[in-house]
Amino acid sequence: MAAAPTIYQKKLAQRRATADIDRLAKIYQKDLLDLADTQQDAFTKYLEEDKKRMAPYEAAMRQYADVSVPAYQAAMQQFVAQSERDDAAQAAYRNKVAQFQATLDEVRANPTEKVDARQSREGRDLLFEIDGRKYTEAMLPANYSIKDTPRQVTSKDKFGRPVTSTVIDKTVMRNREVPQFAEQAPQRSSASAPSPPPVPTPPPRGASFDNQPFAKRRDELSETLTREVDERKAAKKNVVMRRLGRGIMGA
């Protein structure tokens, strides 16, 4: 007849069971740490691959910001400056045209101008001195003419009576030169406004880091630990129950 387990045997079995569970817990903790390291390695590799994937885009953005945009801004400044110079030249030309037209209109309204010509007589000829030379009315240069202005003069005859007569005042007139405008209109620059540089297009969004396999593995480790602990507890319980049963039957 088997003897009932002693208190020492029960405590020894309990210590063995506890030691076994502690060992399983340590294994579980080590597996978790290993899994965390594996996950970190995978995430680091993911970041490196994502960095490689984004590298061409980031290089293009640096080229865009450091080279393309400044070049565009400089070209645009040159275009604006040239446009302003063209506008100023056009405005100056229009002002000259307006001044010319005003002068032309004035000349057309007053085609002749008075010449300060000294008059003198030599015999019966009335002479007009122009630029140091004397001319009769018939011999005036082609662009000169005489303007006759009648004027009433009152005098007295030998009997003292007033007598009115007409005197012709002669004024030398010169044909005014019709102004000419030969300046050509300035041409605007043919350069067109520069186009802004295209902004680099980012690559398609990459897949997010997949944590599911690692979460699944942690669940599996937890489930395994729980199952093995429960199995050991149940086995130990069965051993104790069998021993108790044999002890009762042998009493």
C-alpha atoms as a PDB file:
ATOM      1  CA  MET A   1       0.000   0.000   0.000  1.00  0.00           C
ATOM      2  CA  ALA A   2       1.501   3.357  -1.030  1.00  0.00           C
ATOM      3  CA  ALA A   3       1.907   5.935   1.641  1.00  0.00           C
ATOM      4  CA  ALA A   4       0.302   9.334   1.312  1.00  0.00           C
ATOM      5  CA  PRO A   5       2.686  12.056   0.164  1.00  0.00           C
ATOM      6  CA  THR A   6       4.282  13.841   2.998  1.00  0.00           C
ATOM      7  CA  ILE A   7       4.240  17.632   3.453  1.00  0.00           C
ATOM      8  CA  TYR A   8       7.888  17.701   2.326  1.00  0.00           C
ATOM      9  CA  GLN A   9       7.036  15.805  -0.861  1.00  0.00           C
ATOM     10  CA  LYS A  10       4.194  18.249  -1.568  1.00  0.00           C
ATOM     11  CA  LYS A  11       6.458  21.272  -1.064  1.00  0.00           C
ATOM     12  CA  LEU A  12       9.173  19.674  -3.190  1.00  0.00           C
ATOM     13  CA  ALA A  13       6.698  19.038  -5.991  1.00  0.00           C
ATOM     14  CA  GLN A  14       5.408  22.604  -5.671  1.00  0.00           C
ATOM     15  CA  ARG A  15       8.963  23.980  -5.861  1.00  0.00           C
ATOM     16  CA  ARG A  16       9.641  21.889  -8.950  1.00  0.00           C
ATOM     17  CA  ALA A  17       6.453  23.124 -10.570  1.00  0.00           C
ATOM     18  CA  THR A  18       7.262  26.717  -9.645  1.00  0.00           C
ATOM     19  CA  ALA A  19      10.819  26.318 -10.967  1.00  0.00           C
ATOM     20  CA  ASP A  20       9.509  24.899 -14.232  1.00  0.00           C
ATOM     21  CA  ILE A  21       7.066  27.813 -14.643  1.00  0.00           C
ATOM     22  CA  ASP A  22       9.856  30.312 -13.879  1.00  0.00           C
ATOM     23  CA  ARG A  23      11.968  28.664 -16.546  1.00  0.00           C
ATOM     24  CA  LEU A  24       9.105  28.988 -19.030  1.00  0.00           C
ATOM     25  CA  ALA A  25       8.682  32.653 -18.058  1.00  0.00           C
ATOM     26  CA  LYS A  26      12.376  33.298 -18.634  1.00  0.00           C
ATOM     27  CA  ILE A  27      12.210  31.604 -22.014  1.00  0.00           C
ATOM     28  CA  TYR A  28       9.153  33.709 -22.819  1.00  0.00           C
ATOM     29  CA  GLN A  29      10.924  36.937 -21.825  1.00  0.00           C
ATOM     30  CA  LYS A  30      13.963  35.986 -23.905  1.00  0.00           C
ATOM     31  CA  ASP A  31      11.748  35.198 -26.901  1.00  0.00           C
ATOM     32  CA  LEU A  32      10.059  38.579 -26.493  1.00  0.00           C
ATOM     33  CA  LEU A  33      13.412  40.389 -26.413  1.00  0.00           C
ATOM     34  CA  ASP A  34      14.624  38.461 -29.463  1.00  0.00           C
ATOM     35  CA  LEU A  35      11.386  39.314 -31.249  1.00  0.00           C
ATOM     36  CA  ALA A  36      11.778  43.001 -30.330  1.00  0.00           C
ATOM     37  CA  ASP A  37      15.334  42.981 -31.728  1.00  0.00           C
ATOM     38  CA  THR A  38      14.122  41.296 -34.905  1.00  0.00           C
ATOM     39  CA  GLN A  39      11.320  43.839 -35.233  1.00  0.00           C
ATOM     40  CA  GLN A  40      13.756  46.727 -34.692  1.00  0.00           C
ATOM     41  CA  ASP A  41      16.119  45.307 -37.319  1.00  0.00           C
ATOM     42  CA  ALA A  42      13.240  44.957 -39.766  1.00  0.00           C
ATOM     43  CA  PHE A  43      12.066  48.513 -39.046  1.00  0.00           C
ATOM     44  CA  THR A  44      15.606  49.878 -39.504  1.00  0.00           C
ATOM     45  CA  LYS A  45      15.851  48.091 -42.847  1.00  0.00           C
ATOM     46  CA  TYR A  46      12.434  49.473 -43.798  1.00  0.00           C
ATOM     47  CA  LEU A  47      13.604  53.028 -43.005  1.00  0.00           C
ATOM     48  CA  GLU A  48      16.787  52.538 -45.035  1.00  0.00           C
ATOM     49  CA  GLU A  49      14.847  51.247 -48.038  1.00  0.00           C
ATOM     50  CA  ASP A  50      12.339  54.103 -47.710  1.00  0.00           C
ATOM     51  CA  LYS A  51      15.221  56.586 -47.551  1.00  0.00           C
ATOM     52  CA  LYS A  52      16.686  55.088 -50.743  1.00  0.00           C
ATOM     53  CA  ARG A  53      13.268  55.299 -52.385  1.00  0.00           C
ATOM     54  CA  MET A  54      12.919  58.987 -51.441  1.00  0.00           C
ATOM     55  CA  ALA A  55      16.545  59.906 -52.230  1.00  0.00           C
ATOM     56  CA  PRO A  56      15.981  60.826 -55.938  1.00  0.00           C
ATOM     57  CA  TYR A  57      12.987  62.989 -55.019  1.00  0.00           C
ATOM     58  CA  GLU A  58      14.866  64.742 -52.227  1.00  0.00           C
ATOM     59  CA  ALA A  59      17.815  65.366 -54.581  1.00  0.00           C
ATOM     60  CA  ALA A  60      15.411  66.774 -57.173  1.00  0.00           C
ATOM     61  CA  MET A  61      13.850  69.051 -54.545  1.00  0.00           C
ATOM     62  CA  ARG A  62      17.287  70.347 -53.540  1.00  0.00           C
ATOM     63  CA  GLN A  63      18.067  71.000 -57.202  1.00  0.00           C
ATOM     64  CA  TYR A  64      14.693  72.734 -57.532  1.00  0.00           C
ATOM     65  CA  ALA A  65      15.194  74.939 -54.450  1.00  0.00           C
ATOM     66  CA  ASP A  66      18.903  75.689 -54.858  1.00  0.00           C
ATOM     67  CA  VAL A  67      19.224  75.981 -58.633  1.00  0.00           C
ATOM     68  CA  SER A  68      15.968  76.024 -60.596  1.00  0.00           C
ATOM     69  CA  VAL A  69      14.057  78.542 -58.479  1.00  0.00           C
ATOM     70  CA  PRO A  70      16.948  81.064 -58.178  1.00  0.00           C
ATOM     71  CA  ALA A  71      17.597  80.768 -61.929  1.00  0.00           C
ATOM     72  CA  TYR A  72      13.907  81.370 -62.636  1.00  0.00           C
ATOM     73  CA  GLN A  73      13.822  84.357 -60.283  1.00  0.00           C
ATOM     74  CA  ALA A  74      16.910  85.865 -61.932  1.00  0.00           C
ATOM     75  CA  ALA A  75      15.430  85.335 -65.410  1.00  0.00           C
ATOM     76  CA  MET A  76      12.136  86.865 -64.298  1.00  0.00           C
ATOM     77  CA  GLN A  77      13.943  89.904 -62.863  1.00  0.00           C
ATOM     78  CA  GLN A  78      15.765  90.358 -66.171  1.00  0.00           C
ATOM     79  CA  PHE A  79      12.491  90.009 -68.072  1.00  0.00           C
ATOM     80  CA  VAL A  80      10.753  92.571 -65.826  1.00  0.00           C
ATOM     81  CA  ALA A  81      13.687  94.985 -66.123  1.00  0.00           C
ATOM     82  CA  GLN A  82      13.671  94.630 -69.922  1.00  0.00           C
ATOM     83  CA  SER A  83       9.896  95.139 -70.013  1.00  0.00           C
ATOM     84  CA  GLU A  84      10.291  98.307 -67.947  1.00  0.00           C
ATOM     85  CA  ARG A  85      12.993  99.563 -70.328  1.00  0.00           C
ATOM     86  CA  ASP A  86      10.740  98.764 -73.292  1.00  0.00           C
ATOM     87  CA  ASP A  87       7.840 100.604 -71.638  1.00  0.00           C
ATOM     88  CA  ALA A  88      10.047 103.619 -70.937  1.00  0.00           C
ATOM     89  CA  ALA A  89      11.309 103.659 -74.537  1.00  0.00           C
ATOM     90  CA  GLN A  90       7.754 103.406 -75.869  1.00  0.00           C
ATOM     91  CA  ALA A  91       6.595 106.215 -73.573  1.00  0.00           C
ATOM     92  CA  ALA A  92       9.518 108.427 -74.635  1.00  0.00           C
ATOM     93  CA  TYR A  93       8.752 107.734 -78.297  1.00  0.00           C
ATOM     94  CA  ARG A  94       5.076 108.580 -77.856  1.00  0.00           C
ATOM     95  CA  ASN A  95       6.088 111.822 -76.131  1.00  0.00           C
ATOM     96  CA  LYS A  96       8.353 112.731 -79.053  1.00  0.00           C
ATOM     97  CA  VAL A  97       5.567 111.978 -81.529  1.00  0.00           C
ATOM     98  CA  ALA A  98       3.163 114.149 -79.547  1.00  0.00           C
ATOM     99  CA  GLN A  99       5.682 117.007 -79.461  1.00  0.00           C
ATOM    100  CA  PHE A 100       6.327 116.659 -83.178  1.00  0.00           C
ATOM    101  CA  GLN A 101       2.619 116.659 -83.953  1.00  0.00           C
ATOM    102  CA  ALA A 102       2.087 119.782 -81.848  1.00  0.00           C
ATOM    103  CA  THR A 103       4.931 121.536 -83.702  1.00  0.00           C
ATOM    104  CA  LEU A 104       3.625 120.378 -87.078  1.00  0.00           C
ATOM    105  CA  ASP A 105       0.120 121.603 -86.273  1.00  0.00           C
ATOM    106  CA  GLU A 106       1.516 124.988 -85.240  1.00  0.00           C
ATOM    107  CA  VAL A 107       3.601 125.283 -88.440  1.00  0.00           C
ATOM    108  CA  ARG A 108       0.612 124.358 -90.572  1.00  0.00           C
ATOM    109  CA  ALA A 109      -1.494 126.966 -88.784  1.00  0.00           C
ATOM    110  CA  ASN A 110       1.245 129.603 -89.197  1.00  0.00           C
ATOM    111  CA  PRO A 111       3.316 128.609 -92.234  1.00  0.00           C
ATOM    112  CA  THR A 112       5.300 131.875 -92.360  1.00  0.00           C
ATOM    113  CA  GLU A 113       7.199 133.950 -89.834  1.00  0.00           C
ATOM    114  CA  LYS A 114       8.272 137.588 -89.766  1.00  0.00           C
ATOM    115  CA  VAL A 115      11.888 138.367 -90.591  1.00  0.00           C
ATOM    116  CA  ASP A 116      13.549 141.405 -89.043  1.00  0.00           C
ATOM    117  CA  ALA A 117      14.866 142.805 -92.343  1.00  0.00           C
ATOM    118  CA  ARG A 118      16.141 146.350 -92.513  1.00  0.00           C
ATOM    119  CA  GLN A 119      14.641 148.371 -95.366  1.00  0.00           C
ATOM    120  CA  SER A 120      16.390 151.078 -97.394  1.00  0.00           C
ATOM    121  CA  ARG A 121      16.092 152.835-100.748  1.00  0.00           C
ATOM    122  CA  GLU A 122      18.567 153.125-103.517  1.00  0.00           C
ATOM    123  CA  GLY A 123      17.126 155.291-106.204  1.00  0.00           C
ATOM    124  CA  ARG A 124      13.619 154.064-106.846  1.00  0.00           C
ATOM    125  CA  ASP A 125      14.306 150.536-105.476  1.00  0.00           C
ATOM    126  CA  LEU A 126      13.189 149.466-102.044  1.00  0.00           C
ATOM    127  CA  LEU A 127      15.803 147.099-100.655  1.00  0.00           C
ATOM    128  CA  PHE A 128      15.500 144.481 -97.896  1.00  0.00           C
ATOM    129  CA  GLU A 129      18.605 143.382 -96.009  1.00  0.00           C
ATOM    130  CA  ILE A 130      18.592 139.695 -95.148  1.00  0.00           C
ATOM    131  CA  ASP A 131      21.582 137.985 -93.568  1.00  0.00           C
ATOM    132  CA  GLY A 132      23.866 140.884 -94.629  1.00  0.00           C
ATOM    133  CA  ARG A 133      22.705 140.947 -98.218  1.00  0.00           C
ATOM    134  CA  LYS A 134      20.267 143.359 -99.855  1.00  0.00           C
ATOM    135  CA  TYR A 135      17.464 142.203-102.099  1.00  0.00           C
ATOM    136  CA  THR A 136      14.729 143.874-104.060  1.00  0.00           C
ATOM    137  CA  GLU A 137      11.266 142.437-103.679  1.00  0.00           C
ATOM    138  CA  ALA A 138      11.563 140.686-107.028  1.00  0.00           C
ATOM    139  CA  MET A 139      14.905 139.135-106.119  1.00  0.00           C
ATOM    140  CA  LEU A 140      14.056 137.709-102.728  1.00  0.00           C
ATOM    141  CA  PRO A 141      15.227 134.114-102.077  1.00  0.00           C
ATOM    142  CA  ALA A 142      12.687 131.415-102.890  1.00  0.00           C
ATOM    143  CA  ASN A 143      11.553 130.853 -99.312  1.00  0.00           C
ATOM    144  CA  TYR A 144      10.967 134.538 -98.621  1.00  0.00           C
ATOM    145  CA  SER A 145       8.004 136.736 -99.527  1.00  0.00           C
ATOM    146  CA  ILE A 146       6.646 140.204 -98.871  1.00  0.00           C
ATOM    147  CA  LYS A 147       3.502 140.779 -96.887  1.00  0.00           C
ATOM    148  CA  ASP A 148       1.690 143.996 -97.786  1.00  0.00           C
ATOM    149  CA  THR A 149      -0.267 145.600 -94.971  1.00  0.00           C
ATOM    150  CA  PRO A 150      -2.379 148.648 -95.962  1.00  0.00           C
ATOM    151  CA  ARG A 151      -2.370 151.482 -93.467  1.00  0.00           C
ATOM    152  CA  GLN A 152      -4.398 154.726 -93.515  1.00  0.00           C
ATOM    153  CA  VAL A 153      -2.356 157.867 -93.049  1.00  0.00           C
ATOM    154  CA  THR A 154      -3.828 161.356 -92.560  1.00  0.00           C
ATOM    155  CA  SER A 155      -1.868 164.421 -93.640  1.00  0.00           C
ATOM    156  CA  LYS A 156      -2.594 168.034 -94.747  1.00  0.00           C
ATOM    157  CA  ASP A 157      -2.500 169.491 -98.201  1.00  0.00           C
ATOM    158  CA  LYS A 158      -0.964 172.877 -99.044  1.00  0.00           C
ATOM    159  CA  PHE A 159      -4.125 174.555 -97.957  1.00  0.00           C
ATOM    160  CA  GLY A 160      -3.988 172.882 -94.545  1.00  0.00           C
ATOM    161  CA  ARG A 161      -6.870 170.618 -95.221  1.00  0.00           C
ATOM    162  CA  PRO A 162      -6.642 166.973 -93.917  1.00  0.00           C
ATOM    163  CA  VAL A 163      -5.995 164.405 -96.559  1.00  0.00           C
ATOM    164  CA  THR A 164      -6.239 160.638 -95.992  1.00  0.00           C
ATOM    165  CA  SER A 165      -4.104 158.310 -98.030  1.00  0.00           C
ATOM    166  CA  THR A 166      -3.223 154.609 -97.950  1.00  0.00           C
ATOM    167  CA  VAL A 167       0.292 153.542 -97.204  1.00  0.00           C
ATOM    168  CA  ILE A 168       1.448 149.981 -97.799  1.00  0.00           C
ATOM    169  CA  ASP A 169       3.727 148.579 -95.067  1.00  0.00           C
ATOM    170  CA  LYS A 170       5.973 145.823 -96.381  1.00  0.00           C
ATOM    171  CA  THR A 171       7.061 143.024 -94.103  1.00  0.00           C
ATOM    172  CA  VAL A 172       9.512 140.312 -95.090  1.00  0.00           C
ATOM    173  CA  MET A 173       8.093 136.871 -94.333  1.00  0.00           C
ATOM    174  CA  ARG A 174       9.961 133.595 -94.397  1.00  0.00           C
ATOM    175  CA  ASN A 175       8.352 130.202 -95.041  1.00  0.00           C
ATOM    176  CA  ARG A 176       8.741 128.102 -91.947  1.00  0.00           C
ATOM    177  CA  GLU A 177      10.402 124.774 -92.444  1.00  0.00           C
ATOM    178  CA  VAL A 178       7.989 121.891 -92.133  1.00  0.00           C
ATOM    179  CA  PRO A 179       9.425 119.594 -89.454  1.00  0.00           C
ATOM    180  CA  GLN A 180      10.203 116.011 -90.342  1.00  0.00           C
ATOM    181  CA  PHE A 181      10.022 113.031 -88.032  1.00  0.00           C
ATOM    182  CA  ALA A 182      12.249 110.175 -89.071  1.00  0.00           C
ATOM    183  CA  GLU A 183      12.726 108.341 -85.788  1.00  0.00           C
ATOM    184  CA  GLN A 184      11.520 104.766 -85.873  1.00  0.00           C
ATOM    185  CA  ALA A 185       9.331 103.369 -83.123  1.00  0.00           C
ATOM    186  CA  PRO A 186      11.374 101.268 -80.703  1.00  0.00           C
ATOM    187  CA  GLN A 187      10.777  97.547 -80.893  1.00  0.00           C
ATOM    188  CA  ARG A 188       9.881  95.620 -77.806  1.00  0.00           C
ATOM    189  CA  SER A 189      12.071  92.726 -76.838  1.00  0.00           C
ATOM    190  CA  SER A 190      10.936  89.472 -78.391  1.00  0.00           C
ATOM    191  CA  ALA A 191      11.790  87.556 -75.236  1.00  0.00           C
ATOM    192  CA  SER A 192       8.789  86.067 -73.492  1.00  0.00           C
ATOM    193  CA  ALA A 193       8.308  85.688 -69.774  1.00  0.00           C
ATOM    194  CA  PRO A 194      10.198  82.691 -68.407  1.00  0.00           C
ATOM    195  CA  SER A 195       8.136  79.719 -67.317  1.00  0.00           C
ATOM    196  CA  PRO A 196       8.436  78.623 -63.704  1.00  0.00           C
ATOM    197  CA  PRO A 197      10.345  75.387 -63.222  1.00  0.00           C
ATOM    198  CA  PRO A 198       8.213  72.307 -62.651  1.00  0.00           C
ATOM    199  CA  VAL A 199       8.012  71.159 -59.065  1.00  0.00           C
ATOM    200  CA  PRO A 200       9.404  67.638 -58.666  1.00  0.00           C
ATOM    201  CA  THR A 201       6.727  65.011 -58.225  1.00  0.00           C
ATOM    202  CA  PRO A 202       7.095  62.884 -55.118  1.00  0.00           C
ATOM    203  CA  PRO A 203       7.176  59.125 -55.632  1.00  0.00           C
ATOM    204  CA  PRO A 204       4.066  57.076 -54.841  1.00  0.00           C
ATOM    205  CA  ARG A 205       3.514  56.599 -51.161  1.00  0.00           C
ATOM    206  CA  GLY A 206       5.324  53.509 -49.952  1.00  0.00           C
ATOM    207  CA  ALA A 207       3.737  50.744 -47.921  1.00  0.00           C
ATOM    208  CA  SER A 208       3.637  51.306 -44.177  1.00  0.00           C
ATOM    209  CA  PHE A 209       5.791  49.150 -41.955  1.00  0.00           C
ATOM    210  CA  ASP A 210       3.940  45.886 -41.294  1.00  0.00           C
ATOM    211  CA  ASN A 211       3.777  45.220 -37.562  1.00  0.00           C
ATOM    212  CA  GLN A 212       1.233  42.426 -37.887  1.00  0.00           C
ATOM    213  CA  PRO A 213       3.702  39.496 -38.148  1.00  0.00           C
ATOM    214  CA  PHE A 214       5.425  40.609 -34.965  1.00  0.00           C
ATOM    215  CA  ALA A 215       2.156  41.210 -33.119  1.00  0.00           C
ATOM    216  CA  LYS A 216       1.005  37.772 -34.240  1.00  0.00           C
ATOM    217  CA  ARG A 217       4.252  36.212 -33.030  1.00  0.00           C
ATOM    218  CA  ARG A 218       3.896  37.923 -29.626  1.00  0.00           C
ATOM    219  CA  ASP A 219       0.370  36.542 -29.335  1.00  0.00           C
ATOM    220  CA  GLU A 220       1.675  33.092 -30.234  1.00  0.00           C
ATOM    221  CA  LEU A 221       4.406  33.307 -27.574  1.00  0.00           C
ATOM    222  CA  SER A 222       1.884  34.475 -24.977  1.00  0.00           C
ATOM    223  CA  GLU A 223      -0.550  31.719 -25.912  1.00  0.00           C
ATOM    224  CA  THR A 224       2.248  29.129 -25.816  1.00  0.00           C
ATOM    225  CA  LEU A 225       3.370  30.278 -22.381  1.00  0.00           C
ATOM    226  CA  THR A 226      -0.182  30.247 -21.050  1.00  0.00           C
ATOM    227  CA  ARG A 227      -0.850  26.793 -22.513  1.00  0.00           C
ATOM    228  CA  GLU A 228       2.367  25.255 -21.213  1.00  0.00           C
ATOM    229  CA  VAL A 229       1.875  26.764 -17.755  1.00  0.00           C
ATOM    230  CA  ASP A 230      -1.690  25.490 -17.665  1.00  0.00           C
ATOM    231  CA  GLU A 231      -0.536  22.060 -18.861  1.00  0.00           C
ATOM    232  CA  ARG A 232       2.107  21.855 -16.162  1.00  0.00           C
ATOM    233  CA  LYS A 233      -0.312  22.972 -13.489  1.00  0.00           C
ATOM    234  CA  ALA A 234      -2.870  20.411 -14.659  1.00  0.00           C
ATOM    235  CA  ALA A 235      -0.253  17.637 -14.811  1.00  0.00           C
ATOM    236  CA  LYS A 236       0.957  18.467 -11.347  1.00  0.00           C
ATOM    237  CA  LYS A 237      -2.584  18.564 -10.075  1.00  0.00           C
ATOM    238  CA  ASN A 238      -3.232  15.139 -11.581  1.00  0.00           C
ATOM    239  CA  VAL A 239      -0.111  13.716  -9.944  1.00  0.00           C
ATOM    240  CA  VAL A 240      -1.165  15.077  -6.579  1.00  0.00           C
ATOM    241  CA  MET A 241      -4.705  13.745  -7.021  1.00  0.00           C
ATOM    242  CA  ARG A 242      -3.435  10.285  -7.950  1.00  0.00           C
ATOM    243  CA  ARG A 243      -1.183  10.211  -4.950  1.00  0.00           C
ATOM    244  CA  LEU A 244      -4.011  11.314  -2.698  1.00  0.00           C
ATOM    245  CA  GLY A 245      -6.239   8.670  -4.196  1.00  0.00           C
ATOM    246  CA  ARG A 246      -3.730   5.904  -3.587  1.00  0.00           C
ATOM    247  CA  GLY A 247      -3.250   7.135  -0.060  1.00  0.00           C
ATOM    248  CA  ILE A 248      -6.994   7.021   0.662  1.00  0.00           C
ATOM    249  CA  MET A 249      -7.399   3.557  -0.862  1.00  0.00           C
ATOM    250  CA  GLY A 250      -4.517   2.127   1.185  1.00  0.00           C
ATOM    251  CA  ALA A 251      -5.837   3.496   4.473  1.00  0.00           C
END
